[in-house]
Amino acid sequence: MILVERDNLTGDFARLKTLVKVAAAGGGEGVFRGSEKSTYDLLPHLRASHGWITDKVEGVAVTPSGRVYVSTDN
């Protein structure tokens, strides 16, 4: 399972835009230990395009070949 963590801040104010991969069966009561998850920071890739950094990464999808897509509604 992949979750989105975000800070609702835009542009140069953005500090947290990450994808978090967790085991679907883990995390009793929604709490995951550091060893049960891995994170991927989206900000370096968003900044590399020199475009506007949106406040909300809304969703994520992974294809069978492993390609990752993120979406916003802005």
N, C-alpha and C. Protein backbone atom coordinates (compact mmCIF):
# COMPACT_ATOMS: atom_id res chain seq x y z
N MET A 1 0.85 -1.16 0.00
CA MET A 1 0.00 0.00 0.00
C MET A 1 0.90 1.23 0.00
N ILE A 2 0.52 2.23 -0.79
CA ILE A 2 1.27 3.48 -0.84
C ILE A 2 0.36 4.61 -0.37
N LEU A 3 0.86 5.38 0.58
CA LEU A 3 0.13 6.52 1.14
C LEU A 3 0.80 7.81 0.73
N VAL A 4 0.05 8.89 0.71
CA VAL A 4 0.58 10.21 0.40
C VAL A 4 0.65 11.01 1.70
N GLU A 5 1.82 11.61 1.96
CA GLU A 5 1.96 12.57 3.06
C GLU A 5 2.19 13.93 2.43
N ARG A 6 1.50 14.93 2.92
CA ARG A 6 1.62 16.27 2.34
C ARG A 6 1.39 17.33 3.40
N ASP A 7 1.83 18.53 3.09
CA ASP A 7 1.74 19.62 4.06
C ASP A 7 0.74 20.70 3.68
N ASN A 8 0.09 20.60 2.53
CA ASN A 8 -0.86 21.61 2.05
C ASN A 8 -0.23 22.98 1.82
N LEU A 9 1.08 23.03 1.60
CA LEU A 9 1.77 24.27 1.29
C LEU A 9 2.21 24.25 -0.17
N THR A 10 2.23 25.43 -0.80
CA THR A 10 2.56 25.52 -2.22
C THR A 10 3.91 26.18 -2.45
N GLY A 11 4.38 26.05 -3.69
CA GLY A 11 5.57 26.76 -4.14
C GLY A 11 6.77 26.59 -3.23
N ASP A 12 7.45 27.70 -2.95
CA ASP A 12 8.65 27.67 -2.11
C ASP A 12 8.35 27.33 -0.65
N PHE A 13 7.10 27.38 -0.24
CA PHE A 13 6.73 27.06 1.14
C PHE A 13 6.60 25.55 1.37
N ALA A 14 6.49 24.78 0.30
CA ALA A 14 6.29 23.32 0.41
C ALA A 14 7.46 22.67 1.14
N ARG A 15 7.16 21.79 2.07
CA ARG A 15 8.18 21.10 2.85
C ARG A 15 7.98 19.59 2.88
N LEU A 16 6.75 19.12 2.68
CA LEU A 16 6.47 17.69 2.83
C LEU A 16 5.56 17.21 1.70
N LYS A 17 6.13 16.49 0.79
CA LYS A 17 5.40 15.82 -0.28
C LYS A 17 6.08 14.46 -0.45
N THR A 18 5.59 13.46 0.24
CA THR A 18 6.24 12.15 0.19
C THR A 18 5.24 11.05 -0.12
N LEU A 19 5.77 9.96 -0.65
CA LEU A 19 5.03 8.72 -0.78
C LEU A 19 5.56 7.78 0.28
N VAL A 20 4.68 7.07 0.95
CA VAL A 20 5.08 6.15 2.01
C VAL A 20 4.56 4.77 1.65
N LYS A 21 5.48 3.82 1.54
CA LYS A 21 5.10 2.45 1.23
C LYS A 21 5.06 1.65 2.53
N VAL A 22 3.90 1.02 2.78
CA VAL A 22 3.73 0.20 3.98
C VAL A 22 3.14 -1.15 3.58
N ALA A 23 3.38 -2.14 4.40
CA ALA A 23 2.78 -3.45 4.16
C ALA A 23 1.29 -3.35 4.45
N ALA A 24 0.48 -3.85 3.55
CA ALA A 24 -0.98 -3.75 3.71
C ALA A 24 -1.47 -4.43 4.98
N ALA A 25 -0.80 -5.49 5.40
CA ALA A 25 -1.24 -6.23 6.59
C ALA A 25 -0.67 -5.66 7.88
N GLY A 26 0.33 -4.78 7.80
CA GLY A 26 0.98 -4.27 9.01
C GLY A 26 0.21 -3.12 9.63
N GLY A 27 0.80 -2.53 10.64
CA GLY A 27 0.28 -1.31 11.23
C GLY A 27 -1.04 -1.44 11.95
N GLY A 28 -1.09 -2.25 12.97
CA GLY A 28 -2.31 -2.35 13.76
C GLY A 28 -2.77 -0.98 14.21
N GLU A 29 -4.03 -0.68 14.06
CA GLU A 29 -4.65 0.59 14.44
C GLU A 29 -4.05 1.78 13.69
N GLY A 30 -3.51 1.56 12.49
CA GLY A 30 -3.01 2.66 11.67
C GLY A 30 -1.66 3.21 12.08
N VAL A 31 -0.94 2.54 12.97
CA VAL A 31 0.37 2.99 13.41
C VAL A 31 1.43 2.07 12.82
N PHE A 32 2.41 2.67 12.14
CA PHE A 32 3.49 1.89 11.52
C PHE A 32 4.82 2.30 12.11
N ARG A 33 5.66 1.33 12.41
CA ARG A 33 7.02 1.60 12.89
C ARG A 33 7.89 1.96 11.69
N GLY A 34 9.00 2.63 11.96
CA GLY A 34 9.91 3.01 10.90
C GLY A 34 10.39 1.83 10.08
N SER A 35 10.57 0.69 10.71
CA SER A 35 11.05 -0.49 10.00
C SER A 35 9.96 -1.11 9.11
N GLU A 36 8.72 -0.69 9.28
CA GLU A 36 7.60 -1.23 8.51
C GLU A 36 7.23 -0.36 7.31
N LYS A 37 7.98 0.71 7.10
CA LYS A 37 7.64 1.59 6.00
C LYS A 37 8.90 2.15 5.34
N SER A 38 8.74 2.60 4.10
CA SER A 38 9.80 3.31 3.42
C SER A 38 9.18 4.54 2.77
N THR A 39 9.96 5.61 2.69
CA THR A 39 9.43 6.86 2.15
C THR A 39 10.19 7.29 0.92
N TYR A 40 9.50 8.03 0.07
CA TYR A 40 10.08 8.57 -1.15
C TYR A 40 9.71 10.05 -1.21
N ASP A 41 10.71 10.91 -1.20
CA ASP A 41 10.50 12.35 -1.21
C ASP A 41 10.24 12.84 -2.63
N LEU A 42 9.07 13.39 -2.88
CA LEU A 42 8.71 13.90 -4.20
C LEU A 42 9.26 15.29 -4.49
N LEU A 43 9.59 16.06 -3.46
CA LEU A 43 9.97 17.46 -3.66
C LEU A 43 11.15 17.66 -4.61
N PRO A 44 12.24 16.90 -4.53
CA PRO A 44 13.32 17.13 -5.48
C PRO A 44 12.88 16.99 -6.93
N HIS A 45 11.99 16.06 -7.20
CA HIS A 45 11.51 15.85 -8.57
C HIS A 45 10.53 16.94 -8.98
N LEU A 46 9.70 17.40 -8.06
CA LEU A 46 8.79 18.49 -8.37
C LEU A 46 9.56 19.78 -8.62
N ARG A 47 10.59 20.03 -7.84
CA ARG A 47 11.40 21.25 -8.02
C ARG A 47 12.25 21.19 -9.29
N ALA A 48 12.67 20.01 -9.70
CA ALA A 48 13.53 19.86 -10.87
C ALA A 48 12.85 20.32 -12.16
N SER A 49 11.52 20.27 -12.19
CA SER A 49 10.79 20.67 -13.40
C SER A 49 10.62 22.19 -13.48
N HIS A 50 10.97 22.90 -12.41
CA HIS A 50 10.86 24.37 -12.33
C HIS A 50 9.43 24.85 -12.55
N GLY A 51 8.46 23.99 -12.30
CA GLY A 51 7.06 24.37 -12.39
C GLY A 51 6.53 24.70 -11.01
N TRP A 52 5.25 25.00 -10.95
CA TRP A 52 4.61 25.32 -9.69
C TRP A 52 4.45 24.05 -8.86
N ILE A 53 4.79 24.12 -7.58
CA ILE A 53 4.59 22.98 -6.68
C ILE A 53 3.22 23.15 -6.04
N THR A 54 2.34 22.25 -6.37
CA THR A 54 0.98 22.30 -5.88
C THR A 54 0.91 21.97 -4.39
N ASP A 55 -0.16 22.38 -3.74
CA ASP A 55 -0.29 22.12 -2.32
C ASP A 55 -0.64 20.67 -2.02
N LYS A 56 -1.37 20.01 -2.91
CA LYS A 56 -1.87 18.68 -2.59
C LYS A 56 -1.57 17.66 -3.69
N VAL A 57 -0.66 16.77 -3.41
CA VAL A 57 -0.60 15.56 -4.22
C VAL A 57 -1.79 14.75 -3.75
N GLU A 58 -2.72 14.46 -4.66
CA GLU A 58 -4.00 13.85 -4.27
C GLU A 58 -3.99 12.33 -4.32
N GLY A 59 -3.28 11.76 -5.27
CA GLY A 59 -3.33 10.31 -5.42
C GLY A 59 -2.08 9.76 -6.06
N VAL A 60 -1.94 8.45 -5.98
CA VAL A 60 -0.78 7.77 -6.56
C VAL A 60 -1.25 6.45 -7.14
N ALA A 61 -0.64 6.07 -8.26
CA ALA A 61 -0.94 4.78 -8.88
C ALA A 61 0.38 4.17 -9.35
N VAL A 62 0.47 2.85 -9.27
CA VAL A 62 1.65 2.12 -9.73
C VAL A 62 1.19 1.09 -10.75
N THR A 63 1.82 1.12 -11.93
CA THR A 63 1.47 0.16 -12.97
C THR A 63 2.12 -1.19 -12.69
N PRO A 64 1.67 -2.25 -13.33
CA PRO A 64 2.31 -3.56 -13.15
C PRO A 64 3.80 -3.55 -13.48
N SER A 65 4.23 -2.66 -14.37
CA SER A 65 5.65 -2.58 -14.71
C SER A 65 6.45 -1.75 -13.72
N GLY A 66 5.77 -1.14 -12.72
CA GLY A 66 6.47 -0.38 -11.69
C GLY A 66 6.51 1.12 -11.92
N ARG A 67 5.93 1.61 -12.99
CA ARG A 67 5.90 3.05 -13.25
C ARG A 67 4.92 3.69 -12.26
N VAL A 68 5.33 4.83 -11.69
CA VAL A 68 4.53 5.51 -10.68
C VAL A 68 3.97 6.81 -11.25
N TYR A 69 2.68 7.04 -11.00
CA TYR A 69 2.02 8.27 -11.40
C TYR A 69 1.43 8.93 -10.15
N VAL A 70 1.61 10.25 -10.05
CA VAL A 70 0.95 11.00 -8.99
C VAL A 70 0.00 11.99 -9.66
N SER A 71 -1.05 12.35 -8.95
CA SER A 71 -2.04 13.26 -9.53
C SER A 71 -2.43 14.33 -8.54
N THR A 72 -2.92 15.44 -9.09
CA THR A 72 -3.49 16.52 -8.30
C THR A 72 -4.82 16.91 -8.96
N ASP A 73 -5.60 17.70 -8.29
CA ASP A 73 -6.82 18.20 -8.91
C ASP A 73 -6.70 19.68 -9.23
N ASN A 74 -5.49 20.20 -9.17
CA ASN A 74 -5.30 21.63 -9.45
C ASN A 74 -5.17 21.82 -10.94
